[in-house]
Amino acid sequence: MSAPILRKLADLRAATAGWKRAGESIGVVPTMGALHDGHLSLVAAAKAGCDRVVVTIFVNPKQFNNPEDLAKYPRTEEADAAKLAPYGVDAVYVPDPDQIYPEGFATTVSLSGLTDVMEGACRPGHFDGVATVVAKLFLQTGADRAFFGEKDYQQMMLVTRMAQDLDIPITVVGCPTVREASGLAMSSRNMRLSADGLERAGRLYPVMRQVAERLAAGASFGDLAPAAREALGAAGFVDIEYFDLRAADSLRALDQPTEPARLLVATWLDGVRLIDNIAVPQLND
């Protein structure tokens, strides 16, 4: 049975008010639609951890720094609803634009520090848009827990920090990246890749794994990065925006994983921007 699709904030709040009166916990899975198995894994985690689950679908114009990218972003509401039906979610919130950004809207949520590198540096204004819309969705749904994928690791850190700083009473739950058989991280953008592009995109993950394994064995990132970038270039990746080793808790740049660390990358293939990250085993003292 399909969940009700709610487009007005008043309807959403009417539903959540009843759940809260009954003492039920609420989980939210914020998405921009074009759902894939990665999103559905978040829905499954929310269903397992909460009494009620709301999936939000909103293609947020404020987080696109490239108008062409916004125009090309897939919009598949009917297919998304069909994919959600087996999970028995309690509501699908697909807000009309004026429910998020009403006339005269003049507020931006902006974070410093975590947003200064990688995605923040490559996509000016992107994280302001993310933080603003996620803050709105946290407050509108009144959820107790929010479920985010680790594929967007920097974003997950950002929304966690934002909720803490603004005293929004919600717990952000990070869920493992879901991958294709090739190792390619699932993404709504993957559907824009050609068949050949999909095959070549699968070469990103093995390069990252090899670097992580050598880092765990004691090699330095500065020594490994040039060859890794060359390998990605040979596979057809272009314009590697970043290929970084960062501290898992602060995103401080590292040369060796002397503390919990992530290897993060953003690059282009077939005119599609792809991002990925993996955990790197910590060196023993």
C-alpha atoms as a PDB file:
ATOM      1  CA  MET A   1       0.000   0.000   0.000  1.00  0.00           C
ATOM      2  CA  SER A   2       1.370   3.385  -1.001  1.00  0.00           C
ATOM      3  CA  ALA A   3       2.023   5.985   1.678  1.00  0.00           C
ATOM      4  CA  PRO A   4       0.083   9.242   1.481  1.00  0.00           C
ATOM      5  CA  ILE A   5       1.898  11.978  -0.432  1.00  0.00           C
ATOM      6  CA  LEU A   6       1.751  15.226   1.516  1.00  0.00           C
ATOM      7  CA  ARG A   7       2.504  18.541  -0.165  1.00  0.00           C
ATOM      8  CA  LYS A   8       1.510  21.023   2.529  1.00  0.00           C
ATOM      9  CA  LEU A   9       3.258  21.623   5.835  1.00  0.00           C
ATOM     10  CA  ALA A  10      -0.095  21.806   7.649  1.00  0.00           C
ATOM     11  CA  ASP A  11      -0.942  18.271   6.504  1.00  0.00           C
ATOM     12  CA  LEU A  12       2.459  16.967   7.583  1.00  0.00           C
ATOM     13  CA  ARG A  13       2.155  18.545  11.013  1.00  0.00           C
ATOM     14  CA  ALA A  14      -1.364  17.194  11.456  1.00  0.00           C
ATOM     15  CA  ALA A  15       0.013  13.682  10.896  1.00  0.00           C
ATOM     16  CA  THR A  16       3.086  14.034  13.088  1.00  0.00           C
ATOM     17  CA  ALA A  17       1.108  15.641  15.924  1.00  0.00           C
ATOM     18  CA  GLY A  18      -0.966  12.495  16.274  1.00  0.00           C
ATOM     19  CA  TRP A  19       2.104  10.276  16.307  1.00  0.00           C
ATOM     20  CA  LYS A  20       3.753  12.408  18.960  1.00  0.00           C
ATOM     21  CA  ARG A  21       0.643  12.350  21.149  1.00  0.00           C
ATOM     22  CA  ALA A  22       0.789   8.556  20.964  1.00  0.00           C
ATOM     23  CA  GLY A  23       4.423   8.628  22.115  1.00  0.00           C
ATOM     24  CA  GLU A  24       5.714   7.271  18.814  1.00  0.00           C
ATOM     25  CA  SER A  25       9.212   8.020  17.547  1.00  0.00           C
ATOM     26  CA  ILE A  26       9.610   9.576  14.105  1.00  0.00           C
ATOM     27  CA  GLY A  27      12.404   8.958  11.613  1.00  0.00           C
ATOM     28  CA  VAL A  28      13.033  11.088   8.551  1.00  0.00           C
ATOM     29  CA  VAL A  29      14.915  10.220   5.374  1.00  0.00           C
ATOM     30  CA  PRO A  30      15.589  13.457   3.456  1.00  0.00           C
ATOM     31  CA  THR A  31      16.067  12.897  -0.305  1.00  0.00           C
ATOM     32  CA  MET A  32      15.887  14.721  -3.607  1.00  0.00           C
ATOM     33  CA  GLY A  33      14.087  11.789  -5.204  1.00  0.00           C
ATOM     34  CA  ALA A  34      15.342   9.588  -8.069  1.00  0.00           C
ATOM     35  CA  LEU A  35      15.489   6.888  -5.429  1.00  0.00           C
ATOM     36  CA  HIS A  36      17.861   3.928  -5.673  1.00  0.00           C
ATOM     37  CA  ASP A  37      18.874   1.066  -3.395  1.00  0.00           C
ATOM     38  CA  GLY A  38      21.088   3.383  -1.381  1.00  0.00           C
ATOM     39  CA  HIS A  39      18.111   5.544  -0.446  1.00  0.00           C
ATOM     40  CA  LEU A  40      16.010   2.457   0.231  1.00  0.00           C
ATOM     41  CA  SER A  41      18.646   1.152   2.651  1.00  0.00           C
ATOM     42  CA  LEU A  42      18.139   4.374   4.634  1.00  0.00           C
ATOM     43  CA  VAL A  43      14.394   3.804   4.602  1.00  0.00           C
ATOM     44  CA  ALA A  44      14.916   0.251   5.888  1.00  0.00           C
ATOM     45  CA  ALA A  45      17.166   1.551   8.680  1.00  0.00           C
ATOM     46  CA  ALA A  46      14.569   4.158   9.621  1.00  0.00           C
ATOM     47  CA  LYS A  47      11.809   1.547   9.679  1.00  0.00           C
ATOM     48  CA  ALA A  48      13.929  -0.649  11.941  1.00  0.00           C
ATOM     49  CA  GLY A  49      14.737   2.191  14.334  1.00  0.00           C
ATOM     50  CA  CYS A  50      11.551   4.257  14.523  1.00  0.00           C
ATOM     51  CA  ASP A  51       7.819   3.818  14.994  1.00  0.00           C
ATOM     52  CA  ARG A  52       6.941   6.176  12.155  1.00  0.00           C
ATOM     53  CA  VAL A  53       8.914   7.093   9.024  1.00  0.00           C
ATOM     54  CA  VAL A  54       8.657  10.121   6.752  1.00  0.00           C
ATOM     55  CA  VAL A  55      10.555  10.218   3.460  1.00  0.00           C
ATOM     56  CA  THR A  56      10.984  13.713   2.057  1.00  0.00           C
ATOM     57  CA  ILE A  57      11.471  14.423  -1.646  1.00  0.00           C
ATOM     58  CA  PHE A  58      12.498  17.947  -2.560  1.00  0.00           C
ATOM     59  CA  VAL A  59      14.907  19.001  -5.301  1.00  0.00           C
ATOM     60  CA  ASN A  60      16.418  21.926  -3.472  1.00  0.00           C
ATOM     61  CA  PRO A  61      17.402  24.740  -5.851  1.00  0.00           C
ATOM     62  CA  LYS A  62      19.504  26.487  -3.213  1.00  0.00           C
ATOM     63  CA  GLN A  63      22.122  23.703  -3.095  1.00  0.00           C
ATOM     64  CA  PHE A  64      22.853  23.728  -6.823  1.00  0.00           C
ATOM     65  CA  ASN A  65      25.597  26.153  -7.730  1.00  0.00           C
ATOM     66  CA  ASN A  66      25.237  25.111 -11.401  1.00  0.00           C
ATOM     67  CA  PRO A  67      21.822  25.857 -13.015  1.00  0.00           C
ATOM     68  CA  GLU A  68      22.457  23.245 -15.711  1.00  0.00           C
ATOM     69  CA  ASP A  69      23.025  20.593 -13.044  1.00  0.00           C
ATOM     70  CA  LEU A  70      19.717  21.553 -11.410  1.00  0.00           C
ATOM     71  CA  ALA A  71      17.885  21.315 -14.737  1.00  0.00           C
ATOM     72  CA  LYS A  72      19.332  17.885 -15.455  1.00  0.00           C
ATOM     73  CA  TYR A  73      18.653  16.418 -12.015  1.00  0.00           C
ATOM     74  CA  PRO A  74      16.203  13.514 -12.506  1.00  0.00           C
ATOM     75  CA  ARG A  75      12.660  13.924 -11.198  1.00  0.00           C
ATOM     76  CA  THR A  76      10.830  10.604 -10.879  1.00  0.00           C
ATOM     77  CA  GLU A  77       8.101  11.058  -8.263  1.00  0.00           C
ATOM     78  CA  GLU A  78       5.795   8.296  -9.552  1.00  0.00           C
ATOM     79  CA  ALA A  79       8.611   5.742  -9.728  1.00  0.00           C
ATOM     80  CA  ASP A  80       9.859   6.847  -6.310  1.00  0.00           C
ATOM     81  CA  ALA A  81       6.436   6.266  -4.750  1.00  0.00           C
ATOM     82  CA  ALA A  82       6.336   2.773  -6.257  1.00  0.00           C
ATOM     83  CA  LYS A  83       9.769   1.949  -4.831  1.00  0.00           C
ATOM     84  CA  LEU A  84       8.712   3.124  -1.381  1.00  0.00           C
ATOM     85  CA  ALA A  85       5.429   1.195  -1.337  1.00  0.00           C
ATOM     86  CA  PRO A  86       6.882  -2.135  -0.080  1.00  0.00           C
ATOM     87  CA  TYR A  87       8.521  -0.413   2.888  1.00  0.00           C
ATOM     88  CA  GLY A  88       5.307   0.789   4.481  1.00  0.00           C
ATOM     89  CA  VAL A  89       6.506   4.310   5.236  1.00  0.00           C
ATOM     90  CA  ASP A  90       3.943   6.492   6.940  1.00  0.00           C
ATOM     91  CA  ALA A  91       4.194   9.591   4.757  1.00  0.00           C
ATOM     92  CA  VAL A  92       6.035  10.876   1.714  1.00  0.00           C
ATOM     93  CA  TYR A  93       6.490  14.621   2.081  1.00  0.00           C
ATOM     94  CA  VAL A  94       6.865  16.258  -1.345  1.00  0.00           C
ATOM     95  CA  PRO A  95       6.513  19.909  -0.389  1.00  0.00           C
ATOM     96  CA  ASP A  96       5.457  22.528  -2.874  1.00  0.00           C
ATOM     97  CA  PRO A  97       8.324  25.038  -3.212  1.00  0.00           C
ATOM     98  CA  ASP A  98       6.444  27.683  -1.226  1.00  0.00           C
ATOM     99  CA  GLN A  99       6.240  25.311   1.741  1.00  0.00           C
ATOM    100  CA  ILE A 100      10.038  25.451   2.024  1.00  0.00           C
ATOM    101  CA  TYR A 101      10.778  28.916   0.648  1.00  0.00           C
ATOM    102  CA  PRO A 102       7.663  31.072   1.032  1.00  0.00           C
ATOM    103  CA  GLU A 103       7.502  34.528  -0.459  1.00  0.00           C
ATOM    104  CA  GLY A 104       9.910  36.822   1.358  1.00  0.00           C
ATOM    105  CA  PHE A 105      12.071  33.976   2.686  1.00  0.00           C
ATOM    106  CA  ALA A 106      15.300  35.649   3.806  1.00  0.00           C
ATOM    107  CA  THR A 107      17.200  33.209   6.039  1.00  0.00           C
ATOM    108  CA  THR A 108      20.300  31.169   5.274  1.00  0.00           C
ATOM    109  CA  VAL A 109      21.934  28.624   7.582  1.00  0.00           C
ATOM    110  CA  SER A 110      25.693  28.758   7.060  1.00  0.00           C
ATOM    111  CA  LEU A 111      28.457  26.794   8.771  1.00  0.00           C
ATOM    112  CA  SER A 112      32.179  27.473   8.846  1.00  0.00           C
ATOM    113  CA  GLY A 113      35.109  25.123   9.251  1.00  0.00           C
ATOM    114  CA  LEU A 114      33.700  21.866   7.925  1.00  0.00           C
ATOM    115  CA  THR A 115      32.492  23.649   4.809  1.00  0.00           C
ATOM    116  CA  ASP A 116      35.799  25.278   3.892  1.00  0.00           C
ATOM    117  CA  VAL A 117      37.258  22.280   2.044  1.00  0.00           C
ATOM    118  CA  MET A 118      36.361  19.737  -0.640  1.00  0.00           C
ATOM    119  CA  GLU A 119      32.659  20.116  -1.543  1.00  0.00           C
ATOM    120  CA  GLY A 120      32.490  23.517   0.110  1.00  0.00           C
ATOM    121  CA  ALA A 121      35.480  24.804  -1.835  1.00  0.00           C
ATOM    122  CA  CYS A 122      34.413  23.240  -5.147  1.00  0.00           C
ATOM    123  CA  ARG A 123      30.725  24.186  -4.959  1.00  0.00           C
ATOM    124  CA  PRO A 124      30.378  27.691  -3.477  1.00  0.00           C
ATOM    125  CA  GLY A 125      27.079  28.136  -1.680  1.00  0.00           C
ATOM    126  CA  HIS A 126      26.204  24.437  -1.905  1.00  0.00           C
ATOM    127  CA  PHE A 127      26.421  23.709   1.802  1.00  0.00           C
ATOM    128  CA  ASP A 128      24.470  26.860   2.713  1.00  0.00           C
ATOM    129  CA  GLY A 129      21.650  25.449   0.620  1.00  0.00           C
ATOM    130  CA  VAL A 130      21.979  22.004   2.196  1.00  0.00           C
ATOM    131  CA  ALA A 131      22.072  23.318   5.762  1.00  0.00           C
ATOM    132  CA  THR A 132      19.114  25.621   5.187  1.00  0.00           C
ATOM    133  CA  VAL A 133      16.813  23.017   3.657  1.00  0.00           C
ATOM    134  CA  VAL A 134      17.798  20.274   6.096  1.00  0.00           C
ATOM    135  CA  ALA A 135      17.189  22.571   9.060  1.00  0.00           C
ATOM    136  CA  LYS A 136      13.757  23.305   7.614  1.00  0.00           C
ATOM    137  CA  LEU A 137      12.992  19.601   7.113  1.00  0.00           C
ATOM    138  CA  PHE A 138      14.181  18.684  10.607  1.00  0.00           C
ATOM    139  CA  LEU A 139      11.907  21.330  12.098  1.00  0.00           C
ATOM    140  CA  GLN A 140       8.954  20.679   9.813  1.00  0.00           C
ATOM    141  CA  THR A 141       8.918  16.917  10.409  1.00  0.00           C
ATOM    142  CA  GLY A 142       9.746  17.142  14.128  1.00  0.00           C
ATOM    143  CA  ALA A 143      11.642  13.883  13.661  1.00  0.00           C
ATOM    144  CA  ASP A 144      13.626  12.226  16.434  1.00  0.00           C
ATOM    145  CA  ARG A 145      16.147  10.596  14.098  1.00  0.00           C
ATOM    146  CA  ALA A 146      17.390  11.454  10.608  1.00  0.00           C
ATOM    147  CA  PHE A 147      19.057   8.921   8.323  1.00  0.00           C
ATOM    148  CA  PHE A 148      21.863   9.927   5.958  1.00  0.00           C
ATOM    149  CA  GLY A 149      24.197   7.896   3.770  1.00  0.00           C
ATOM    150  CA  GLU A 150      27.940   7.919   4.371  1.00  0.00           C
ATOM    151  CA  LYS A 151      28.506   8.413   0.623  1.00  0.00           C
ATOM    152  CA  ASP A 152      27.944  12.118   1.243  1.00  0.00           C
ATOM    153  CA  TYR A 153      30.268  12.040   4.238  1.00  0.00           C
ATOM    154  CA  GLN A 154      30.983  15.762   4.463  1.00  0.00           C
ATOM    155  CA  GLN A 155      27.268  16.525   4.179  1.00  0.00           C
ATOM    156  CA  MET A 156      26.514  14.059   6.979  1.00  0.00           C
ATOM    157  CA  MET A 157      29.055  15.805   9.202  1.00  0.00           C
ATOM    158  CA  LEU A 158      27.600  19.187   8.278  1.00  0.00           C
ATOM    159  CA  VAL A 159      23.998  18.352   9.201  1.00  0.00           C
ATOM    160  CA  THR A 160      25.132  16.709  12.442  1.00  0.00           C
ATOM    161  CA  ARG A 161      27.028  19.849  13.450  1.00  0.00           C
ATOM    162  CA  MET A 162      24.160  22.095  12.353  1.00  0.00           C
ATOM    163  CA  ALA A 163      21.604  20.211  14.460  1.00  0.00           C
ATOM    164  CA  GLN A 164      23.903  20.347  17.482  1.00  0.00           C
ATOM    165  CA  ASP A 165      24.666  24.047  17.087  1.00  0.00           C
ATOM    166  CA  LEU A 166      21.003  25.019  16.658  1.00  0.00           C
ATOM    167  CA  ASP A 167      19.745  22.755  19.476  1.00  0.00           C
ATOM    168  CA  ILE A 168      17.465  20.842  17.120  1.00  0.00           C
ATOM    169  CA  PRO A 169      16.516  17.738  19.139  1.00  0.00           C
ATOM    170  CA  ILE A 170      17.334  15.133  16.519  1.00  0.00           C
ATOM    171  CA  THR A 171      19.936  12.363  16.182  1.00  0.00           C
ATOM    172  CA  VAL A 172      21.665  12.020  12.812  1.00  0.00           C
ATOM    173  CA  VAL A 173      22.270   8.364  11.955  1.00  0.00           C
ATOM    174  CA  GLY A 174      24.941   7.561   9.365  1.00  0.00           C
ATOM    175  CA  CYS A 175      24.338   4.492   7.203  1.00  0.00           C
ATOM    176  CA  PRO A 176      26.890   2.599   5.065  1.00  0.00           C
ATOM    177  CA  THR A 177      27.320   3.408   1.380  1.00  0.00           C
ATOM    178  CA  VAL A 178      25.495   0.993  -0.911  1.00  0.00           C
ATOM    179  CA  ARG A 179      27.478  -0.034  -3.989  1.00  0.00           C
ATOM    180  CA  GLU A 180      26.931  -1.604  -7.371  1.00  0.00           C
ATOM    181  CA  ALA A 181      28.605  -4.967  -8.025  1.00  0.00           C
ATOM    182  CA  SER A 182      31.511  -3.026  -9.567  1.00  0.00           C
ATOM    183  CA  GLY A 183      31.997  -1.080  -6.346  1.00  0.00           C
ATOM    184  CA  LEU A 184      30.556   2.146  -7.774  1.00  0.00           C
ATOM    185  CA  ALA A 185      28.697   4.047  -5.059  1.00  0.00           C
ATOM    186  CA  MET A 186      25.006   4.248  -5.890  1.00  0.00           C
ATOM    187  CA  SER A 187      23.905   7.741  -6.842  1.00  0.00           C
ATOM    188  CA  SER A 188      20.949   9.300  -8.623  1.00  0.00           C
ATOM    189  CA  ARG A 189      23.490  10.854 -10.991  1.00  0.00           C
ATOM    190  CA  ASN A 190      24.629   7.406 -12.186  1.00  0.00           C
ATOM    191  CA  MET A 191      21.580   7.144 -14.432  1.00  0.00           C
ATOM    192  CA  ARG A 192      23.110   9.903 -16.559  1.00  0.00           C
ATOM    193  CA  LEU A 193      26.174   7.784 -17.357  1.00  0.00           C
ATOM    194  CA  SER A 194      26.418   5.910 -20.647  1.00  0.00           C
ATOM    195  CA  ALA A 195      26.898   2.122 -20.586  1.00  0.00           C
ATOM    196  CA  ASP A 196      30.600   2.662 -21.230  1.00  0.00           C
ATOM    197  CA  GLY A 197      30.710   5.350 -18.556  1.00  0.00           C
ATOM    198  CA  LEU A 198      29.146   3.009 -16.010  1.00  0.00           C
ATOM    199  CA  GLU A 199      31.795   0.404 -16.752  1.00  0.00           C
ATOM    200  CA  ARG A 200      34.618   2.921 -16.392  1.00  0.00           C
ATOM    201  CA  ALA A 201      33.069   4.478 -13.265  1.00  0.00           C
ATOM    202  CA  GLY A 202      33.454   1.101 -11.564  1.00  0.00           C
ATOM    203  CA  ARG A 203      37.233   1.591 -11.653  1.00  0.00           C
ATOM    204  CA  LEU A 204      37.103   4.384  -9.080  1.00  0.00           C
ATOM    205  CA  TYR A 205      36.485   2.168  -6.070  1.00  0.00           C
ATOM    206  CA  PRO A 206      39.381  -0.273  -6.691  1.00  0.00           C
ATOM    207  CA  VAL A 207      41.817   2.643  -6.956  1.00  0.00           C
ATOM    208  CA  MET A 208      40.547   4.018  -3.644  1.00  0.00           C
ATOM    209  CA  ARG A 209      40.748   0.600  -1.988  1.00  0.00           C
ATOM    210  CA  GLN A 210      44.337   0.123  -3.161  1.00  0.00           C
ATOM    211  CA  VAL A 211      45.372   3.510  -1.756  1.00  0.00           C
ATOM    212  CA  ALA A 212      43.631   2.757   1.552  1.00  0.00           C
ATOM    213  CA  GLU A 213      45.375  -0.598   1.849  1.00  0.00           C
ATOM    214  CA  ARG A 214      48.799   0.937   1.218  1.00  0.00           C
ATOM    215  CA  LEU A 215      48.094   3.719   3.708  1.00  0.00           C
ATOM    216  CA  ALA A 216      47.196   1.089   6.303  1.00  0.00           C
ATOM    217  CA  ALA A 217      50.528  -0.568   5.565  1.00  0.00           C
ATOM    218  CA  GLY A 218      52.405   2.638   6.400  1.00  0.00           C
ATOM    219  CA  ALA A 219      52.764   4.475   3.076  1.00  0.00           C
ATOM    220  CA  SER A 220      52.283   8.237   2.988  1.00  0.00           C
ATOM    221  CA  PHE A 221      49.422   9.816   1.099  1.00  0.00           C
ATOM    222  CA  GLY A 222      51.754  12.327  -0.524  1.00  0.00           C
ATOM    223  CA  ASP A 223      53.652   9.448  -2.120  1.00  0.00           C
ATOM    224  CA  LEU A 224      50.520   7.584  -3.238  1.00  0.00           C
ATOM    225  CA  ALA A 225      48.302  10.377  -4.540  1.00  0.00           C
ATOM    226  CA  PRO A 226      50.100  11.146  -7.859  1.00  0.00           C
ATOM    227  CA  ALA A 227      49.939   7.545  -9.063  1.00  0.00           C
ATOM    228  CA  ALA A 228      46.309   7.250  -7.966  1.00  0.00           C
ATOM    229  CA  ARG A 229      45.356  10.366  -9.882  1.00  0.00           C
ATOM    230  CA  GLU A 230      47.214   9.017 -12.918  1.00  0.00           C
ATOM    231  CA  ALA A 231      45.319   5.720 -12.673  1.00  0.00           C
ATOM    232  CA  LEU A 232      42.011   7.573 -12.551  1.00  0.00           C
ATOM    233  CA  GLY A 233      42.991   9.649 -15.548  1.00  0.00           C
ATOM    234  CA  ALA A 234      43.874   6.493 -17.493  1.00  0.00           C
ATOM    235  CA  ALA A 235      40.407   5.130 -16.680  1.00  0.00           C
ATOM    236  CA  GLY A 236      38.795   8.211 -18.239  1.00  0.00           C
ATOM    237  CA  PHE A 237      38.130  10.351 -15.179  1.00  0.00           C
ATOM    238  CA  VAL A 238      38.742  14.038 -15.797  1.00  0.00           C
ATOM    239  CA  ASP A 239      38.938  17.148 -13.658  1.00  0.00           C
ATOM    240  CA  ILE A 240      39.670  15.435 -10.350  1.00  0.00           C
ATOM    241  CA  GLU A 241      38.472  18.177  -8.023  1.00  0.00           C
ATOM    242  CA  TYR A 242      39.901  16.588  -4.907  1.00  0.00           C
ATOM    243  CA  PHE A 243      41.458  13.321  -3.842  1.00  0.00           C
ATOM    244  CA  ASP A 244      42.101  13.766  -0.123  1.00  0.00           C
ATOM    245  CA  LEU A 245      42.961  11.912   3.044  1.00  0.00           C
ATOM    246  CA  ARG A 246      41.121  13.600   5.906  1.00  0.00           C
ATOM    247  CA  ALA A 247      40.555  13.087   9.623  1.00  0.00           C
ATOM    248  CA  ALA A 248      37.163  11.439  10.065  1.00  0.00           C
ATOM    249  CA  ASP A 249      36.002  13.806  12.804  1.00  0.00           C
ATOM    250  CA  SER A 250      37.373  17.181  11.692  1.00  0.00           C
ATOM    251  CA  LEU A 251      38.252  16.812   7.982  1.00  0.00           C
ATOM    252  CA  ARG A 252      41.772  17.988   8.777  1.00  0.00           C
ATOM    253  CA  ALA A 253      44.179  17.010   5.997  1.00  0.00           C
ATOM    254  CA  LEU A 254      46.383  14.018   6.829  1.00  0.00           C
ATOM    255  CA  ASP A 255      49.409  12.381   5.249  1.00  0.00           C
ATOM    256  CA  GLN A 256      48.971   9.143   7.179  1.00  0.00           C
ATOM    257  CA  PRO A 257      45.982   7.625   8.994  1.00  0.00           C
ATOM    258  CA  THR A 258      47.343   8.170  12.493  1.00  0.00           C
ATOM    259  CA  GLU A 259      43.722   8.686  13.599  1.00  0.00           C
ATOM    260  CA  PRO A 260      40.374   7.552  12.178  1.00  0.00           C
ATOM    261  CA  ALA A 261      40.436   8.762   8.567  1.00  0.00           C
ATOM    262  CA  ARG A 262      38.492   8.884   5.310  1.00  0.00           C
ATOM    263  CA  LEU A 263      39.716   8.912   1.740  1.00  0.00           C
ATOM    264  CA  LEU A 264      37.454  11.223  -0.277  1.00  0.00           C
ATOM    265  CA  VAL A 265      37.252  11.990  -3.988  1.00  0.00           C
ATOM    266  CA  ALA A 266      35.253  14.099  -6.437  1.00  0.00           C
ATOM    267  CA  THR A 267      35.785  13.736 -10.168  1.00  0.00           C
ATOM    268  CA  TRP A 268      34.007  13.886 -13.510  1.00  0.00           C
ATOM    269  CA  LEU A 269      33.206  11.175 -16.038  1.00  0.00           C
ATOM    270  CA  ASP A 270      30.928  11.384 -19.076  1.00  0.00           C
ATOM    271  CA  GLY A 271      29.947  14.905 -18.010  1.00  0.00           C
ATOM    272  CA  VAL A 272      28.702  13.590 -14.657  1.00  0.00           C
ATOM    273  CA  ARG A 273      30.192  14.595 -11.321  1.00  0.00           C
ATOM    274  CA  LEU A 274      30.866  11.605  -9.059  1.00  0.00           C
ATOM    275  CA  ILE A 275      31.866  11.606  -5.389  1.00  0.00           C
ATOM    276  CA  ASP A 276      32.891   8.762  -3.109  1.00  0.00           C
ATOM    277  CA  ASN A 277      34.700   8.078   0.143  1.00  0.00           C
ATOM    278  CA  ILE A 278      35.862   5.131   2.192  1.00  0.00           C
ATOM    279  CA  ALA A 279      37.190   4.584   5.691  1.00  0.00           C
ATOM    280  CA  VAL A 280      40.936   4.054   5.992  1.00  0.00           C
ATOM    281  CA  PRO A 281      42.256   1.656   8.654  1.00  0.00           C
ATOM    282  CA  GLN A 282      44.141   3.517  11.367  1.00  0.00           C
ATOM    283  CA  LEU A 283      47.856   2.903  11.696  1.00  0.00           C
ATOM    284  CA  ASN A 284      48.829   1.075  14.854  1.00  0.00           C
ATOM    285  CA  ASP A 285      50.833   3.093  17.356  1.00  0.00           C
END
